[in-house]
PDB file of all heavy atoms in Angstrom:
ATOM      1  N   GLU A   1    -131.392 100.655 155.053  1.00  0.00           N
ATOM      2  CA  GLU A   1    -132.755 101.179 155.004  1.00  0.00           C
ATOM      3  C   GLU A   1    -132.972 102.031 153.748  1.00  0.00           C
ATOM      4  O   GLU A   1    -134.006 101.931 153.081  1.00  0.00           O
ATOM      5  CB  GLU A   1    -133.048 102.013 156.253  1.00  0.00           C
ATOM      6  CG  GLU A   1    -133.137 101.223 157.542  1.00  0.00           C
ATOM      7  CD  GLU A   1    -131.772 100.755 158.059  1.00  0.00           C
ATOM      8  OE1 GLU A   1    -130.744 101.358 157.654  1.00  0.00           O
ATOM      9  OE2 GLU A   1    -131.736  99.797 158.851  1.00  0.00           O
ATOM     10  N   SER A   2    -131.979 102.860 153.401  1.00  0.00           N
ATOM     11  CA  SER A   2    -132.142 103.721 152.223  1.00  0.00           C
ATOM     12  C   SER A   2    -132.155 102.910 150.932  1.00  0.00           C
ATOM     13  O   SER A   2    -132.846 103.270 149.973  1.00  0.00           O
ATOM     14  CB  SER A   2    -131.038 104.782 152.172  1.00  0.00           C
ATOM     15  OG  SER A   2    -129.764 104.207 151.903  1.00  0.00           O
ATOM     16  N   VAL A   3    -131.415 101.807 150.907  1.00  0.00           N
ATOM     17  CA  VAL A   3    -131.416 100.933 149.723  1.00  0.00           C
ATOM     18  C   VAL A   3    -132.812 100.374 149.479  1.00  0.00           C
ATOM     19  O   VAL A   3    -133.259 100.237 148.331  1.00  0.00           O
ATOM     20  CB  VAL A   3    -130.377  99.804 149.887  1.00  0.00           C
ATOM     21  CG1 VAL A   3    -130.558  98.743 148.810  1.00  0.00           C
ATOM     22  CG2 VAL A   3    -128.964 100.370 149.838  1.00  0.00           C
ATOM     23  N   ARG A   4    -133.542 100.077 150.549  1.00  0.00           N
ATOM     24  CA  ARG A   4    -134.895  99.527 150.407  1.00  0.00           C
ATOM     25  C   ARG A   4    -135.879 100.571 149.870  1.00  0.00           C
ATOM     26  O   ARG A   4    -136.983 100.218 149.439  1.00  0.00           O
ATOM     27  CB  ARG A   4    -135.394  98.974 151.736  1.00  0.00           C
ATOM     28  CG  ARG A   4    -134.704  97.675 152.150  1.00  0.00           C
ATOM     29  CD  ARG A   4    -135.473  96.983 153.262  1.00  0.00           C
ATOM     30  NE  ARG A   4    -135.366  97.698 154.530  1.00  0.00           N
ATOM     31  CZ  ARG A   4    -134.425  97.456 155.438  1.00  0.00           C
ATOM     32  NH1 ARG A   4    -133.498  96.526 155.209  1.00  0.00           N
ATOM     33  NH2 ARG A   4    -134.386  98.130 156.572  1.00  0.00           N
ATOM     34  N   SER A   5    -135.493 101.848 149.879  1.00  0.00           N
ATOM     35  CA  SER A   5    -136.357 102.914 149.359  1.00  0.00           C
ATOM     36  C   SER A   5    -135.876 103.454 148.016  1.00  0.00           C
ATOM     37  O   SER A   5    -136.381 104.480 147.539  1.00  0.00           O
ATOM     38  CB  SER A   5    -136.434 104.066 150.371  1.00  0.00           C
ATOM     39  OG  SER A   5    -137.083 103.651 151.555  1.00  0.00           O
ATOM     40  N   ARG A   6    -134.937 102.784 147.394  1.00  0.00           N
ATOM     41  CA  ARG A   6    -134.425 103.264 146.115  1.00  0.00           C
ATOM     42  C   ARG A   6    -135.506 103.204 145.037  1.00  0.00           C
ATOM     43  O   ARG A   6    -136.321 102.279 144.991  1.00  0.00           O
ATOM     44  CB  ARG A   6    -133.220 102.424 145.673  1.00  0.00           C
ATOM     45  CG  ARG A   6    -131.939 102.764 146.411  1.00  0.00           C
ATOM     46  CD  ARG A   6    -130.783 101.884 145.968  1.00  0.00           C
ATOM     47  NE  ARG A   6    -129.522 102.385 146.522  1.00  0.00           N
ATOM     48  CZ  ARG A   6    -128.352 101.759 146.370  1.00  0.00           C
ATOM     49  NH1 ARG A   6    -128.277 100.628 145.673  1.00  0.00           N
ATOM     50  NH2 ARG A   6    -127.255 102.274 146.898  1.00  0.00           N
ATOM     51  N   VAL A   7    -135.480 104.199 144.148  1.00  0.00           N
ATOM     52  CA  VAL A   7    -136.454 104.263 143.064  1.00  0.00           C
ATOM     53  C   VAL A   7    -135.787 104.856 141.831  1.00  0.00           C
ATOM     54  O   VAL A   7    -134.895 105.711 141.930  1.00  0.00           O
ATOM     55  CB  VAL A   7    -137.693 105.088 143.495  1.00  0.00           C
ATOM     56  CG1 VAL A   7    -137.303 106.522 143.838  1.00  0.00           C
ATOM     57  CG2 VAL A   7    -138.781 105.062 142.440  1.00  0.00           C
ATOM     58  N   ALA A   8    -136.182 104.374 140.666  1.00  0.00           N
ATOM     59  CA  ALA A   8    -135.583 104.822 139.400  1.00  0.00           C
ATOM     60  C   ALA A   8    -136.678 105.041 138.373  1.00  0.00           C
ATOM     61  O   ALA A   8    -137.738 104.393 138.405  1.00  0.00           O
ATOM     62  CB  ALA A   8    -134.586 103.781 138.889  1.00  0.00           C
ATOM     63  N   LEU A   9    -136.411 105.942 137.445  1.00  0.00           N
ATOM     64  CA  LEU A   9    -137.311 106.208 136.329  1.00  0.00           C
ATOM     65  C   LEU A   9    -136.673 105.685 135.051  1.00  0.00           C
ATOM     66  O   LEU A   9    -135.513 105.998 134.751  1.00  0.00           O
ATOM     67  CB  LEU A   9    -137.564 107.715 136.202  1.00  0.00           C
ATOM     68  CG  LEU A   9    -138.446 108.171 135.032  1.00  0.00           C
ATOM     69  CD1 LEU A   9    -139.859 107.635 135.149  1.00  0.00           C
ATOM     70  CD2 LEU A   9    -138.458 109.702 134.939  1.00  0.00           C
ATOM     71  N   LEU A  10    -137.424 104.884 134.308  1.00  0.00           N
ATOM     72  CA  LEU A  10    -136.927 104.292 133.061  1.00  0.00           C
ATOM     73  C   LEU A  10    -137.923 104.601 131.947  1.00  0.00           C
ATOM     74  O   LEU A  10    -139.071 104.151 131.988  1.00  0.00           O
ATOM     75  CB  LEU A  10    -136.751 102.781 133.222  1.00  0.00           C
ATOM     76  CG  LEU A  10    -136.348 101.981 131.980  1.00  0.00           C
ATOM     77  CD1 LEU A  10    -135.001 102.437 131.424  1.00  0.00           C
ATOM     78  CD2 LEU A  10    -136.308 100.485 132.305  1.00  0.00           C
ATOM     79  N   ILE A  11    -137.479 105.376 130.958  1.00  0.00           N
ATOM     80  CA  ILE A  11    -138.311 105.727 129.804  1.00  0.00           C
ATOM     81  C   ILE A  11    -137.622 105.220 128.546  1.00  0.00           C
ATOM     82  O   ILE A  11    -136.461 105.550 128.293  1.00  0.00           O
ATOM     83  CB  ILE A  11    -138.518 107.255 129.707  1.00  0.00           C
ATOM     84  CG1 ILE A  11    -139.237 107.788 130.944  1.00  0.00           C
ATOM     85  CG2 ILE A  11    -139.305 107.601 128.436  1.00  0.00           C
ATOM     86  CD1 ILE A  11    -139.324 109.312 130.987  1.00  0.00           C
ATOM     87  N   THR A  12    -138.340 104.417 127.761  1.00  0.00           N
ATOM     88  CA  THR A  12    -137.773 103.862 126.532  1.00  0.00           C
ATOM     89  C   THR A  12    -138.745 104.071 125.386  1.00  0.00           C
ATOM     90  O   THR A  12    -139.895 103.613 125.444  1.00  0.00           O
ATOM     91  CB  THR A  12    -137.503 102.352 126.668  1.00  0.00           C
ATOM     92  OG1 THR A  12    -136.808 102.091 127.886  1.00  0.00           O
ATOM     93  CG2 THR A  12    -136.680 101.844 125.494  1.00  0.00           C
ATOM     94  N   ASN A  13    -138.315 104.762 124.362  1.00  0.00           N
ATOM     95  CA  ASN A  13    -139.111 104.898 123.144  1.00  0.00           C
ATOM     96  C   ASN A  13    -138.627 103.882 122.120  1.00  0.00           C
ATOM     97  O   ASN A  13    -137.457 103.911 121.718  1.00  0.00           O
ATOM     98  CB  ASN A  13    -139.023 106.320 122.595  1.00  0.00           C
ATOM     99  CG  ASN A  13    -139.871 107.295 123.398  1.00  0.00           C
ATOM    100  OD1 ASN A  13    -140.706 106.883 124.208  1.00  0.00           O
ATOM    101  ND2 ASN A  13    -139.668 108.580 123.170  1.00  0.00           N
ATOM    102  N   ILE A  14    -139.539 103.003 121.721  1.00  0.00           N
ATOM    103  CA  ILE A  14    -139.197 101.914 120.805  1.00  0.00           C
ATOM    104  C   ILE A  14    -139.925 102.072 119.472  1.00  0.00           C
ATOM    105  O   ILE A  14    -139.323 102.021 118.416  1.00  0.00           O
ATOM    106  CB  ILE A  14    -139.542 100.542 121.437  1.00  0.00           C
ATOM    107  CG1 ILE A  14    -138.828 100.380 122.793  1.00  0.00           C
ATOM    108  CG2 ILE A  14    -139.170  99.396 120.486  1.00  0.00           C
ATOM    109  CD1 ILE A  14    -139.275  99.163 123.589  1.00  0.00           C
ATOM    110  N   GLN A  15    -141.238 102.271 119.551  1.00  0.00           N
ATOM    111  CA  GLN A  15    -142.049 102.406 118.342  1.00  0.00           C
ATOM    112  C   GLN A  15    -142.517 103.848 118.180  1.00  0.00           C
ATOM    113  O   GLN A  15    -142.990 104.468 119.132  1.00  0.00           O
ATOM    114  CB  GLN A  15    -143.262 101.468 118.415  1.00  0.00           C
ATOM    115  CG  GLN A  15    -142.892  99.997 118.394  1.00  0.00           C
ATOM    116  CD  GLN A  15    -144.104  99.098 118.429  1.00  0.00           C
ATOM    117  OE1 GLN A  15    -145.179  99.502 118.859  1.00  0.00           O
ATOM    118  NE2 GLN A  15    -143.943  97.870 117.961  1.00  0.00           N
ATOM    119  N   PHE A  16    -142.392 104.352 116.946  1.00  0.00           N
ATOM    120  CA  PHE A  16    -142.737 105.729 116.634  1.00  0.00           C
ATOM    121  C   PHE A  16    -143.910 105.775 115.659  1.00  0.00           C
ATOM    122  O   PHE A  16    -144.195 104.794 114.964  1.00  0.00           O
ATOM    123  CB  PHE A  16    -141.518 106.452 116.035  1.00  0.00           C
ATOM    124  CG  PHE A  16    -140.444 106.749 117.037  1.00  0.00           C
ATOM    125  CD1 PHE A  16    -139.666 105.731 117.588  1.00  0.00           C
ATOM    126  CD2 PHE A  16    -140.206 108.045 117.466  1.00  0.00           C
ATOM    127  CE1 PHE A  16    -138.685 105.997 118.532  1.00  0.00           C
ATOM    128  CE2 PHE A  16    -139.230 108.331 118.406  1.00  0.00           C
ATOM    129  CZ  PHE A  16    -138.471 107.305 118.940  1.00  0.00           C
ATOM    130  N   LYS A  17    -144.594 106.910 115.629  1.00  0.00           N
ATOM    131  CA  LYS A  17    -145.707 107.087 114.688  1.00  0.00           C
ATOM    132  C   LYS A  17    -145.214 106.865 113.268  1.00  0.00           C
ATOM    133  O   LYS A  17    -145.882 106.235 112.453  1.00  0.00           O
ATOM    134  CB  LYS A  17    -146.311 108.485 114.853  1.00  0.00           C
ATOM    135  CG  LYS A  17    -147.553 108.723 114.023  1.00  0.00           C
ATOM    136  CD  LYS A  17    -148.164 110.079 114.325  1.00  0.00           C
ATOM    137  CE  LYS A  17    -149.442 110.304 113.524  1.00  0.00           C
ATOM    138  NZ  LYS A  17    -150.064 111.621 113.837  1.00  0.00           N
ATOM    139  N   ASN A  18    -144.040 107.406 112.965  1.00  0.00           N
ATOM    140  CA  ASN A  18    -143.352 107.103 111.710  1.00  0.00           C
ATOM    141  C   ASN A  18    -142.577 105.813 111.936  1.00  0.00           C
ATOM    142  O   ASN A  18    -141.507 105.819 112.558  1.00  0.00           O
ATOM    143  CB  ASN A  18    -142.413 108.247 111.332  1.00  0.00           C
ATOM    144  CG  ASN A  18    -141.595 107.954 110.090  1.00  0.00           C
ATOM    145  OD1 ASN A  18    -141.660 106.862 109.523  1.00  0.00           O
ATOM    146  ND2 ASN A  18    -140.814 108.935 109.659  1.00  0.00           N
ATOM    147  N   ARG A  19    -143.102 104.694 111.475  1.00  0.00           N
ATOM    148  CA  ARG A  19    -142.515 103.391 111.800  1.00  0.00           C
ATOM    149  C   ARG A  19    -141.105 103.229 111.259  1.00  0.00           C
ATOM    150  O   ARG A  19    -140.357 102.359 111.706  1.00  0.00           O
ATOM    151  CB  ARG A  19    -143.419 102.258 111.282  1.00  0.00           C
ATOM    152  CG  ARG A  19    -144.822 102.264 111.893  1.00  0.00           C
ATOM    153  CD  ARG A  19    -144.802 102.276 113.414  1.00  0.00           C
ATOM    154  NE  ARG A  19    -144.158 101.124 113.986  1.00  0.00           N
ATOM    155  CZ  ARG A  19    -144.806  99.993 114.310  1.00  0.00           C
ATOM    156  NH1 ARG A  19    -146.105  99.883 114.097  1.00  0.00           N
ATOM    157  NH2 ARG A  19    -144.151  98.984 114.850  1.00  0.00           N
ATOM    158  N   GLY A  20    -140.718 104.089 110.323  1.00  0.00           N
ATOM    159  CA  GLY A  20    -139.340 104.057 109.848  1.00  0.00           C
ATOM    160  C   GLY A  20    -138.341 104.493 110.902  1.00  0.00           C
ATOM    161  O   GLY A  20    -137.132 104.265 110.747  1.00  0.00           O
ATOM    162  N   LEU A  21    -138.825 105.113 111.985  1.00  0.00           N
ATOM    163  CA  LEU A  21    -137.966 105.540 113.083  1.00  0.00           C
ATOM    164  C   LEU A  21    -137.904 104.525 114.217  1.00  0.00           C
ATOM    165  O   LEU A  21    -137.227 104.769 115.216  1.00  0.00           O
ATOM    166  CB  LEU A  21    -138.455 106.890 113.636  1.00  0.00           C
ATOM    167  CG  LEU A  21    -138.396 108.088 112.691  1.00  0.00           C
ATOM    168  CD1 LEU A  21    -139.027 109.316 113.353  1.00  0.00           C
ATOM    169  CD2 LEU A  21    -136.954 108.384 112.287  1.00  0.00           C
ATOM    170  N   ASP A  22    -138.612 103.413 114.080  1.00  0.00           N
ATOM    171  CA  ASP A  22    -138.626 102.418 115.160  1.00  0.00           C
ATOM    172  C   ASP A  22    -137.203 102.024 115.548  1.00  0.00           C
ATOM    173  O   ASP A  22    -136.327 101.854 114.692  1.00  0.00           O
ATOM    174  CB  ASP A  22    -139.396 101.169 114.738  1.00  0.00           C
ATOM    175  CG  ASP A  22    -140.911 101.387 114.750  1.00  0.00           C
ATOM    176  OD1 ASP A  22    -141.350 102.491 115.105  1.00  0.00           O
ATOM    177  OD2 ASP A  22    -141.639 100.441 114.393  1.00  0.00           O
ATOM    178  N   ARG A  23    -136.982 101.877 116.865  1.00  0.00           N
ATOM    179  CA  ARG A  23    -135.644 101.617 117.406  1.00  0.00           C
ATOM    180  C   ARG A  23    -135.507 100.120 117.708  1.00  0.00           C
ATOM    181  O   ARG A  23    -135.678  99.662 118.835  1.00  0.00           O
ATOM    182  CB  ARG A  23    -135.397 102.462 118.648  1.00  0.00           C
ATOM    183  CG  ARG A  23    -135.501 103.952 118.381  1.00  0.00           C
ATOM    184  CD  ARG A  23    -135.306 104.804 119.626  1.00  0.00           C
ATOM    185  NE  ARG A  23    -133.964 104.625 120.189  1.00  0.00           N
ATOM    186  CZ  ARG A  23    -133.723 104.021 121.345  1.00  0.00           C
ATOM    187  NH1 ARG A  23    -134.720 103.519 122.075  1.00  0.00           N
ATOM    188  NH2 ARG A  23    -132.498 103.906 121.791  1.00  0.00           N
ATOM    189  N   HIS A  24    -135.176  99.363 116.687  1.00  0.00           N
ATOM    190  CA  HIS A  24    -135.038  97.914 116.847  1.00  0.00           C
ATOM    191  C   HIS A  24    -133.877  97.602 117.801  1.00  0.00           C
ATOM    192  O   HIS A  24    -132.800  98.177 117.701  1.00  0.00           O
ATOM    193  CB  HIS A  24    -134.797  97.262 115.491  1.00  0.00           C
ATOM    194  CG  HIS A  24    -135.886  97.548 114.493  1.00  0.00           C
ATOM    195  ND1 HIS A  24    -137.147  97.017 114.591  1.00  0.00           N
ATOM    196  CD2 HIS A  24    -135.908  98.365 113.394  1.00  0.00           C
ATOM    197  CE1 HIS A  24    -137.905  97.448 113.598  1.00  0.00           C
ATOM    198  NE2 HIS A  24    -137.165  98.276 112.856  1.00  0.00           N
ATOM    199  N   GLY A  25    -134.123  96.712 118.720  1.00  0.00           N
ATOM    200  CA  GLY A  25    -133.125  96.368 119.730  1.00  0.00           C
ATOM    201  C   GLY A  25    -133.293  97.143 121.022  1.00  0.00           C
ATOM    202  O   GLY A  25    -132.702  96.798 122.044  1.00  0.00           O
ATOM    203  N   ALA A  26    -134.118  98.211 120.999  1.00  0.00           N
ATOM    204  CA  ALA A  26    -134.314  99.014 122.209  1.00  0.00           C
ATOM    205  C   ALA A  26    -135.088  98.259 123.280  1.00  0.00           C
ATOM    206  O   ALA A  26    -134.978  98.559 124.466  1.00  0.00           O
ATOM    207  CB  ALA A  26    -135.033 100.320 121.867  1.00  0.00           C
ATOM    208  N   ASP A  27    -135.883  97.264 122.867  1.00  0.00           N
ATOM    209  CA  ASP A  27    -136.576  96.439 123.852  1.00  0.00           C
ATOM    210  C   ASP A  27    -135.574  95.654 124.698  1.00  0.00           C
ATOM    211  O   ASP A  27    -135.806  95.397 125.886  1.00  0.00           O
ATOM    212  CB  ASP A  27    -137.562  95.492 123.179  1.00  0.00           C
ATOM    213  CG  ASP A  27    -136.907  94.603 122.130  1.00  0.00           C
ATOM    214  OD1 ASP A  27    -135.972  95.074 121.427  1.00  0.00           O
ATOM    215  OD2 ASP A  27    -137.314  93.431 121.998  1.00  0.00           O
TER     216      ASP A  27
END
């Protein structure tokens, strides 16, 4: 029952305002 209520938070920063900081491969 607890497995059916599992939840996770996933935050990924890929593109930045300064495009020179873009994290290629992070997708």
